[in-house]
């Protein structure tokens, strides 16, 4: 009986607090993993928001302009109006339009000059810096530059 109590007693005494120690070791890793997933989700959301904003601008850029709204020499809206549409879309998603870098809008040339379908279009491209931080670590990637490029084709109606 004494021998049995000796073995059972020592086994229980050595395991006291083991769960607390395991939790103390794993909890910061789990929290860091969770925060990393949140930041990667934010980066993906920012990428999708930027793409949507560029798509809205490109969609507006290929629309024919009314006679009283635009310059009579060009049937399309000016670049400043297209940029205003992109900026409004970014502001609606709580992104700062002043951080957009390398903005360019190019009118595409006809892809098939002999076809009856109008293949003119627009290409909008820019980059946006995203500040990415891994919490609880000394790793701070100051900025990740997210490139955006959208091409929209104009078609005959």
C-alpha atoms as a PDB file:
ATOM      1  CA  UNK A   1       0.000   0.000   0.000  1.00  0.00           C
ATOM      2  CA  UNK A   2       2.785   2.357   0.892  1.00  0.00           C
ATOM      3  CA  UNK A   3       4.622   1.548  -2.333  1.00  0.00           C
ATOM      4  CA  UNK A   4       1.482   2.250  -4.358  1.00  0.00           C
ATOM      5  CA  UNK A   5       0.947   5.614  -2.607  1.00  0.00           C
ATOM      6  CA  UNK A   6       4.579   6.514  -3.237  1.00  0.00           C
ATOM      7  CA  UNK A   7       4.333   5.955  -6.997  1.00  0.00           C
ATOM      8  CA  UNK A   8       0.958   7.644  -7.353  1.00  0.00           C
ATOM      9  CA  UNK A   9       1.958  10.577  -5.204  1.00  0.00           C
ATOM     10  CA  UNK A  10       5.152  11.348  -7.089  1.00  0.00           C
ATOM     11  CA  UNK A  11       3.445  11.155 -10.480  1.00  0.00           C
ATOM     12  CA  UNK A  12       0.775  13.650  -9.485  1.00  0.00           C
ATOM     13  CA  UNK A  13       3.195  16.007  -7.781  1.00  0.00           C
ATOM     14  CA  UNK A  14       5.466  16.267 -10.837  1.00  0.00           C
ATOM     15  CA  UNK A  15       2.606  17.097 -13.218  1.00  0.00           C
ATOM     16  CA  UNK A  16       1.153  19.867 -11.096  1.00  0.00           C
ATOM     17  CA  UNK A  17       1.107  23.118 -13.149  1.00  0.00           C
ATOM     18  CA  UNK A  18       2.084  21.456 -16.463  1.00  0.00           C
ATOM     19  CA  UNK A  19      -1.081  22.663 -18.216  1.00  0.00           C
ATOM     20  CA  UNK A  20      -0.449  26.209 -17.051  1.00  0.00           C
ATOM     21  CA  UNK A  21       3.112  26.057 -18.346  1.00  0.00           C
ATOM     22  CA  UNK A  22       1.962  24.694 -21.731  1.00  0.00           C
ATOM     23  CA  UNK A  23      -0.633  27.462 -22.002  1.00  0.00           C
ATOM     24  CA  UNK A  24       1.952  30.111 -21.100  1.00  0.00           C
ATOM     25  CA  UNK A  25       4.219  28.858 -23.895  1.00  0.00           C
ATOM     26  CA  UNK A  26       1.536  28.429 -26.573  1.00  0.00           C
ATOM     27  CA  UNK A  27      -0.754  31.415 -25.900  1.00  0.00           C
ATOM     28  CA  UNK A  28       1.602  34.076 -27.342  1.00  0.00           C
ATOM     29  CA  UNK A  29       2.166  31.946 -30.435  1.00  0.00           C
ATOM     30  CA  UNK A  30      -1.560  31.486 -30.968  1.00  0.00           C
ATOM     31  CA  UNK A  31      -2.244  35.196 -30.479  1.00  0.00           C
ATOM     32  CA  UNK A  32       0.565  36.068 -32.919  1.00  0.00           C
ATOM     33  CA  UNK A  33      -0.862  33.618 -35.465  1.00  0.00           C
ATOM     34  CA  UNK A  34      -4.330  35.111 -35.074  1.00  0.00           C
ATOM     35  CA  UNK A  35      -3.029  38.676 -35.449  1.00  0.00           C
ATOM     36  CA  UNK A  36      -1.011  37.643 -38.515  1.00  0.00           C
ATOM     37  CA  UNK A  37      -4.147  36.225 -40.125  1.00  0.00           C
ATOM     38  CA  UNK A  38      -5.973  39.467 -39.391  1.00  0.00           C
ATOM     39  CA  UNK A  39      -3.201  41.551 -41.009  1.00  0.00           C
ATOM     40  CA  UNK A  40      -3.028  39.294 -44.064  1.00  0.00           C
ATOM     41  CA  UNK A  41      -6.806  39.615 -44.334  1.00  0.00           C
ATOM     42  CA  UNK A  42      -6.484  43.398 -44.175  1.00  0.00           C
ATOM     43  CA  UNK A  43      -3.844  43.335 -46.931  1.00  0.00           C
ATOM     44  CA  UNK A  44      -6.089  41.177 -49.123  1.00  0.00           C
ATOM     45  CA  UNK A  45      -9.054  43.474 -48.445  1.00  0.00           C
ATOM     46  CA  UNK A  46      -6.952  46.501 -49.409  1.00  0.00           C
ATOM     47  CA  UNK A  47      -5.890  44.776 -52.643  1.00  0.00           C
ATOM     48  CA  UNK A  48      -9.505  44.042 -53.563  1.00  0.00           C
ATOM     49  CA  UNK A  49     -10.573  47.582 -52.686  1.00  0.00           C
ATOM     50  CA  UNK A  50      -7.857  49.090 -54.878  1.00  0.00           C
ATOM     51  CA  UNK A  51      -8.811  46.811 -57.769  1.00  0.00           C
ATOM     52  CA  UNK A  52     -12.466  47.771 -57.409  1.00  0.00           C
ATOM     53  CA  UNK A  53     -11.601  51.477 -57.362  1.00  0.00           C
ATOM     54  CA  UNK A  54      -9.477  51.136 -60.512  1.00  0.00           C
ATOM     55  CA  UNK A  55     -12.249  49.149 -62.182  1.00  0.00           C
ATOM     56  CA  UNK A  56     -14.786  51.880 -61.362  1.00  0.00           C
ATOM     57  CA  UNK A  57     -12.453  54.481 -62.854  1.00  0.00           C
ATOM     58  CA  UNK A  58     -11.875  52.410 -65.983  1.00  0.00           C
ATOM     59  CA  UNK A  59     -15.595  51.802 -66.386  1.00  0.00           C
ATOM     60  CA  UNK A  60     -16.200  55.549 -66.193  1.00  0.00           C
ATOM     61  CA  UNK A  61     -13.324  56.272 -68.596  1.00  0.00           C
ATOM     62  CA  UNK A  62     -14.753  54.169 -71.440  1.00  0.00           C
ATOM     63  CA  UNK A  63     -18.236  55.677 -71.201  1.00  0.00           C
ATOM     64  CA  UNK A  64     -19.038  58.163 -73.941  1.00  0.00           C
ATOM     65  CA  UNK A  65     -19.238  61.690 -72.637  1.00  0.00           C
ATOM     66  CA  UNK A  66     -22.192  63.985 -73.219  1.00  0.00           C
ATOM     67  CA  UNK A  67     -21.740  67.009 -75.474  1.00  0.00           C
ATOM     68  CA  UNK A  68     -22.103  69.567 -72.681  1.00  0.00           C
ATOM     69  CA  UNK A  69     -19.989  67.658 -70.118  1.00  0.00           C
ATOM     70  CA  UNK A  70     -16.673  67.180 -71.901  1.00  0.00           C
ATOM     71  CA  UNK A  71     -14.268  68.765 -74.282  1.00  0.00           C
ATOM     72  CA  UNK A  72     -15.766  68.597 -77.800  1.00  0.00           C
ATOM     73  CA  UNK A  73     -12.459  67.329 -79.224  1.00  0.00           C
ATOM     74  CA  UNK A  74     -12.602  64.141 -77.120  1.00  0.00           C
ATOM     75  CA  UNK A  75     -15.594  61.827 -76.785  1.00  0.00           C
ATOM     76  CA  UNK A  76     -14.336  60.546 -73.423  1.00  0.00           C
ATOM     77  CA  UNK A  77     -14.186  62.053 -69.933  1.00  0.00           C
ATOM     78  CA  UNK A  78     -10.932  63.785 -69.014  1.00  0.00           C
ATOM     79  CA  UNK A  79      -8.328  62.140 -66.820  1.00  0.00           C
ATOM     80  CA  UNK A  80      -9.151  64.448 -63.897  1.00  0.00           C
ATOM     81  CA  UNK A  81     -12.752  63.201 -63.763  1.00  0.00           C
ATOM     82  CA  UNK A  82     -11.583  59.576 -63.918  1.00  0.00           C
ATOM     83  CA  UNK A  83      -9.132  60.210 -61.080  1.00  0.00           C
ATOM     84  CA  UNK A  84     -11.936  61.843 -59.060  1.00  0.00           C
ATOM     85  CA  UNK A  85     -14.028  58.662 -59.432  1.00  0.00           C
ATOM     86  CA  UNK A  86     -11.092  56.518 -58.227  1.00  0.00           C
ATOM     87  CA  UNK A  87     -10.418  58.857 -55.301  1.00  0.00           C
ATOM     88  CA  UNK A  88     -14.091  58.843 -54.263  1.00  0.00           C
ATOM     89  CA  UNK A  89     -14.104  55.041 -54.305  1.00  0.00           C
ATOM     90  CA  UNK A  90     -10.973  54.926 -52.147  1.00  0.00           C
ATOM     91  CA  UNK A  91     -12.374  57.450 -49.660  1.00  0.00           C
ATOM     92  CA  UNK A  92     -15.596  55.410 -49.408  1.00  0.00           C
ATOM     93  CA  UNK A  93     -13.448  52.445 -48.331  1.00  0.00           C
ATOM     94  CA  UNK A  94     -11.429  54.490 -45.797  1.00  0.00           C
ATOM     95  CA  UNK A  95      -8.219  54.519 -47.866  1.00  0.00           C
ATOM     96  CA  UNK A  96      -6.166  57.660 -48.389  1.00  0.00           C
ATOM     97  CA  UNK A  97      -6.163  58.690 -52.082  1.00  0.00           C
ATOM     98  CA  UNK A  98      -3.101  60.895 -51.551  1.00  0.00           C
ATOM     99  CA  UNK A  99      -0.977  57.757 -51.068  1.00  0.00           C
ATOM    100  CA  UNK A 100      -1.657  56.509 -54.599  1.00  0.00           C
ATOM    101  CA  UNK A 101       1.666  56.439 -56.446  1.00  0.00           C
ATOM    102  CA  UNK A 102       2.512  56.169 -60.120  1.00  0.00           C
ATOM    103  CA  UNK A 103      -1.028  56.736 -61.380  1.00  0.00           C
ATOM    104  CA  UNK A 104      -1.342  56.441 -65.142  1.00  0.00           C
ATOM    105  CA  UNK A 105      -4.256  56.183 -67.507  1.00  0.00           C
ATOM    106  CA  UNK A 106      -3.576  55.180 -71.087  1.00  0.00           C
ATOM    107  CA  UNK A 107      -6.055  54.923 -73.889  1.00  0.00           C
ATOM    108  CA  UNK A 108      -5.541  51.615 -75.663  1.00  0.00           C
ATOM    109  CA  UNK A 109      -5.257  51.507 -79.430  1.00  0.00           C
ATOM    110  CA  UNK A 110      -7.659  49.399 -81.495  1.00  0.00           C
ATOM    111  CA  UNK A 111      -6.713  45.747 -81.276  1.00  0.00           C
ATOM    112  CA  UNK A 112      -8.261  44.843 -84.643  1.00  0.00           C
ATOM    113  CA  UNK A 113      -8.261  47.882 -86.945  1.00  0.00           C
ATOM    114  CA  UNK A 114     -10.338  46.137 -89.633  1.00  0.00           C
ATOM    115  CA  UNK A 115     -13.096  44.825 -87.362  1.00  0.00           C
ATOM    116  CA  UNK A 116     -16.544  46.343 -86.992  1.00  0.00           C
ATOM    117  CA  UNK A 117     -16.284  46.179 -83.205  1.00  0.00           C
ATOM    118  CA  UNK A 118     -14.621  49.098 -81.475  1.00  0.00           C
ATOM    119  CA  UNK A 119     -11.733  47.667 -79.464  1.00  0.00           C
ATOM    120  CA  UNK A 120     -10.626  50.936 -77.927  1.00  0.00           C
ATOM    121  CA  UNK A 121     -10.270  50.902 -74.206  1.00  0.00           C
ATOM    122  CA  UNK A 122      -8.391  52.217 -71.245  1.00  0.00           C
ATOM    123  CA  UNK A 123      -5.640  50.882 -68.996  1.00  0.00           C
ATOM    124  CA  UNK A 124      -5.400  52.281 -65.460  1.00  0.00           C
ATOM    125  CA  UNK A 125      -2.461  51.402 -63.255  1.00  0.00           C
ATOM    126  CA  UNK A 126      -1.071  52.628 -59.952  1.00  0.00           C
ATOM    127  CA  UNK A 127       0.514  51.393 -56.746  1.00  0.00           C
ATOM    128  CA  UNK A 128      -0.518  51.827 -53.134  1.00  0.00           C
ATOM    129  CA  UNK A 129       1.655  51.354 -50.032  1.00  0.00           C
ATOM    130  CA  UNK A 130       0.337  49.071 -47.304  1.00  0.00           C
ATOM    131  CA  UNK A 131       1.930  49.149 -43.860  1.00  0.00           C
ATOM    132  CA  UNK A 132       2.270  45.580 -42.696  1.00  0.00           C
ATOM    133  CA  UNK A 133       3.182  44.793 -39.094  1.00  0.00           C
ATOM    134  CA  UNK A 134       3.595  41.398 -37.486  1.00  0.00           C
ATOM    135  CA  UNK A 135       2.485  42.008 -33.903  1.00  0.00           C
ATOM    136  CA  UNK A 136       4.585  40.895 -30.920  1.00  0.00           C
ATOM    137  CA  UNK A 137       7.663  40.536 -33.111  1.00  0.00           C
ATOM    138  CA  UNK A 138      10.461  42.890 -34.089  1.00  0.00           C
ATOM    139  CA  UNK A 139       9.572  42.235 -37.741  1.00  0.00           C
ATOM    140  CA  UNK A 140       8.067  45.411 -39.163  1.00  0.00           C
ATOM    141  CA  UNK A 141       7.794  45.389 -42.910  1.00  0.00           C
ATOM    142  CA  UNK A 142       7.289  49.120 -43.258  1.00  0.00           C
ATOM    143  CA  UNK A 143       5.455  49.024 -46.549  1.00  0.00           C
ATOM    144  CA  UNK A 144       4.336  46.498 -49.062  1.00  0.00           C
ATOM    145  CA  UNK A 145       3.598  48.128 -52.394  1.00  0.00           C
ATOM    146  CA  UNK A 146       0.390  46.774 -53.886  1.00  0.00           C
ATOM    147  CA  UNK A 147       0.320  47.143 -57.689  1.00  0.00           C
ATOM    148  CA  UNK A 148      -3.000  47.579 -59.480  1.00  0.00           C
ATOM    149  CA  UNK A 149      -3.599  47.314 -63.220  1.00  0.00           C
ATOM    150  CA  UNK A 150      -7.046  47.283 -64.804  1.00  0.00           C
ATOM    151  CA  UNK A 151      -7.911  47.186 -68.482  1.00  0.00           C
ATOM    152  CA  UNK A 152     -11.414  47.880 -69.727  1.00  0.00           C
ATOM    153  CA  UNK A 153     -12.538  47.625 -73.335  1.00  0.00           C
ATOM    154  CA  UNK A 154     -15.072  49.869 -74.987  1.00  0.00           C
ATOM    155  CA  UNK A 155     -17.630  48.106 -77.123  1.00  0.00           C
ATOM    156  CA  UNK A 156     -20.231  49.280 -79.620  1.00  0.00           C
ATOM    157  CA  UNK A 157     -23.741  49.451 -78.260  1.00  0.00           C
END
